[in-house]
C-alpha atoms as a PDB file:
ATOM      1  CA  UNK A   1      -4.435  -0.561  -3.037  1.00  0.00           C
ATOM      2  CA  UNK A   2      -8.205  -0.516  -2.602  1.00  0.00           C
ATOM      3  CA  UNK A   3      -9.888   0.034   0.660  1.00  0.00           C
ATOM      4  CA  UNK A   4     -13.181  -1.096   2.205  1.00  0.00           C
ATOM      5  CA  UNK A   5     -15.257   1.455   4.145  1.00  0.00           C
ATOM      6  CA  UNK A   6     -17.513   1.148   7.212  1.00  0.00           C
ATOM      7  CA  UNK A   7     -19.114   3.722   9.418  1.00  0.00           C
ATOM      8  CA  UNK A   8     -18.151   3.818  13.095  1.00  0.00           C
ATOM      9  CA  UNK A   9     -21.780   2.975  14.020  1.00  0.00           C
ATOM     10  CA  UNK A  10     -21.686  -0.203  11.859  1.00  0.00           C
ATOM     11  CA  UNK A  11     -18.256  -1.033  13.333  1.00  0.00           C
ATOM     12  CA  UNK A  12     -19.589  -0.730  16.915  1.00  0.00           C
ATOM     13  CA  UNK A  13     -22.601  -2.888  16.118  1.00  0.00           C
ATOM     14  CA  UNK A  14     -20.811  -5.628  14.236  1.00  0.00           C
ATOM     15  CA  UNK A  15     -17.026  -5.813  14.847  1.00  0.00           C
ATOM     16  CA  UNK A  16     -16.832  -9.392  13.467  1.00  0.00           C
ATOM     17  CA  UNK A  17     -18.056  -8.084  10.078  1.00  0.00           C
ATOM     18  CA  UNK A  18     -15.296  -5.430  10.247  1.00  0.00           C
ATOM     19  CA  UNK A  19     -12.660  -8.146  10.971  1.00  0.00           C
ATOM     20  CA  UNK A  20     -13.899 -10.214   7.962  1.00  0.00           C
ATOM     21  CA  UNK A  21     -13.692  -7.140   5.735  1.00  0.00           C
ATOM     22  CA  UNK A  22     -10.138  -6.350   7.051  1.00  0.00           C
ATOM     23  CA  UNK A  23      -9.049  -9.904   6.106  1.00  0.00           C
ATOM     24  CA  UNK A  24      -9.571  -8.984   2.419  1.00  0.00           C
ATOM     25  CA  UNK A  25      -8.135  -5.403   2.394  1.00  0.00           C
ATOM     26  CA  UNK A  26      -7.618  -2.500   4.757  1.00  0.00           C
ATOM     27  CA  UNK A  27     -10.909  -1.214   6.292  1.00  0.00           C
ATOM     28  CA  UNK A  28     -11.384   2.525   6.668  1.00  0.00           C
ATOM     29  CA  UNK A  29     -13.724   3.405   9.530  1.00  0.00           C
ATOM     30  CA  UNK A  30     -15.507   6.703   9.033  1.00  0.00           C
ATOM     31  CA  UNK A  31     -17.014   9.141  11.497  1.00  0.00           C
ATOM     32  CA  UNK A  32     -19.419  11.757  10.112  1.00  0.00           C
ATOM     33  CA  UNK A  33     -18.330  10.876   6.584  1.00  0.00           C
ATOM     34  CA  UNK A  34     -14.612  11.421   7.266  1.00  0.00           C
ATOM     35  CA  UNK A  35     -11.949   8.695   7.483  1.00  0.00           C
ATOM     36  CA  UNK A  36     -10.877   8.229  11.150  1.00  0.00           C
ATOM     37  CA  UNK A  37      -9.258   4.843  11.575  1.00  0.00           C
ATOM     38  CA  UNK A  38      -7.896   2.001   9.474  1.00  0.00           C
ATOM     39  CA  UNK A  39      -8.218  -1.632  10.488  1.00  0.00           C
ATOM     40  CA  UNK A  40      -5.707  -4.053   8.945  1.00  0.00           C
ATOM     41  CA  UNK A  41      -4.485  -7.570   9.739  1.00  0.00           C
ATOM     42  CA  UNK A  42      -1.496  -7.546  11.999  1.00  0.00           C
ATOM     43  CA  UNK A  43       0.587  -9.515   9.449  1.00  0.00           C
ATOM     44  CA  UNK A  44      -0.076  -6.833   6.848  1.00  0.00           C
ATOM     45  CA  UNK A  45       0.796  -4.087   9.301  1.00  0.00           C
ATOM     46  CA  UNK A  46       3.986  -5.829  10.243  1.00  0.00           C
ATOM     47  CA  UNK A  47       5.013  -6.492   6.648  1.00  0.00           C
ATOM     48  CA  UNK A  48       4.269  -3.133   5.213  1.00  0.00           C
ATOM     49  CA  UNK A  49       3.895  -0.318   7.712  1.00  0.00           C
ATOM     50  CA  UNK A  50       6.438  -1.097  10.446  1.00  0.00           C
ATOM     51  CA  UNK A  51       9.457  -1.562   8.213  1.00  0.00           C
ATOM     52  CA  UNK A  52      11.395   1.622   7.577  1.00  0.00           C
ATOM     53  CA  UNK A  53      13.042   1.565   4.159  1.00  0.00           C
ATOM     54  CA  UNK A  54      15.738   3.718   2.791  1.00  0.00           C
ATOM     55  CA  UNK A  55      15.207   5.170  -0.610  1.00  0.00           C
ATOM     56  CA  UNK A  56      17.828   2.806  -1.973  1.00  0.00           C
ATOM     57  CA  UNK A  57      15.965  -0.206  -0.576  1.00  0.00           C
ATOM     58  CA  UNK A  58      12.650   0.994  -1.969  1.00  0.00           C
ATOM     59  CA  UNK A  59      14.088   1.515  -5.482  1.00  0.00           C
ATOM     60  CA  UNK A  60      16.182  -1.669  -5.361  1.00  0.00           C
ATOM     61  CA  UNK A  61      13.232  -3.910  -4.502  1.00  0.00           C
ATOM     62  CA  UNK A  62      13.280  -7.137  -6.584  1.00  0.00           C
ATOM     63  CA  UNK A  63       9.621  -6.652  -7.712  1.00  0.00           C
ATOM     64  CA  UNK A  64      10.096  -3.024  -8.640  1.00  0.00           C
ATOM     65  CA  UNK A  65       8.440  -1.945 -11.896  1.00  0.00           C
ATOM     66  CA  UNK A  66      11.262   0.593 -12.378  1.00  0.00           C
ATOM     67  CA  UNK A  67      14.057  -1.945 -12.773  1.00  0.00           C
ATOM     68  CA  UNK A  68      15.706  -1.799 -16.219  1.00  0.00           C
ATOM     69  CA  UNK A  69      13.212   0.134 -18.273  1.00  0.00           C
ATOM     70  CA  UNK A  70      14.578   3.631 -17.713  1.00  0.00           C
ATOM     71  CA  UNK A  71      16.836   4.995 -20.447  1.00  0.00           C
ATOM     72  CA  UNK A  72      17.707   8.669 -20.088  1.00  0.00           C
ATOM     73  CA  UNK A  73      18.046  10.852 -23.194  1.00  0.00           C
ATOM     74  CA  UNK A  74      21.562  11.853 -24.017  1.00  0.00           C
ATOM     75  CA  UNK A  75      22.387  15.476 -23.308  1.00  0.00           C
ATOM     76  CA  UNK A  76      23.853  17.638 -26.027  1.00  0.00           C
ATOM     77  CA  UNK A  77      25.706  20.800 -25.045  1.00  0.00           C
ATOM     78  CA  UNK A  78      26.475  22.002 -28.601  1.00  0.00           C
ATOM     79  CA  UNK A  79      23.824  24.704 -28.679  1.00  0.00           C
ATOM     80  CA  UNK A  80      24.262  25.944 -25.136  1.00  0.00           C
ATOM     81  CA  UNK A  81      26.263  29.050 -24.377  1.00  0.00           C
ATOM     82  CA  UNK A  82      28.177  28.636 -21.145  1.00  0.00           C
ATOM     83  CA  UNK A  83      29.709  31.580 -19.295  1.00  0.00           C
ATOM     84  CA  UNK A  84      32.383  31.258 -16.638  1.00  0.00           C
END
């Protein structure tokens, strides 16, 4: 995900420009060159940041790029010395 950046001084002078930028992608507001705040649309916030997911839900997502492409190598124990 890419971010847009704006200084806090620019944000204070032109908040409507900040809202327009946040419509496209999250807007990082910086103070003294360091990220301080992030402005996002409420719908994006609600859809992505407020939902808590279990690991199972995250990995079982229908659009996951990790669906059926993982094939583990078979393990061979013939050369291993096991002590009990």
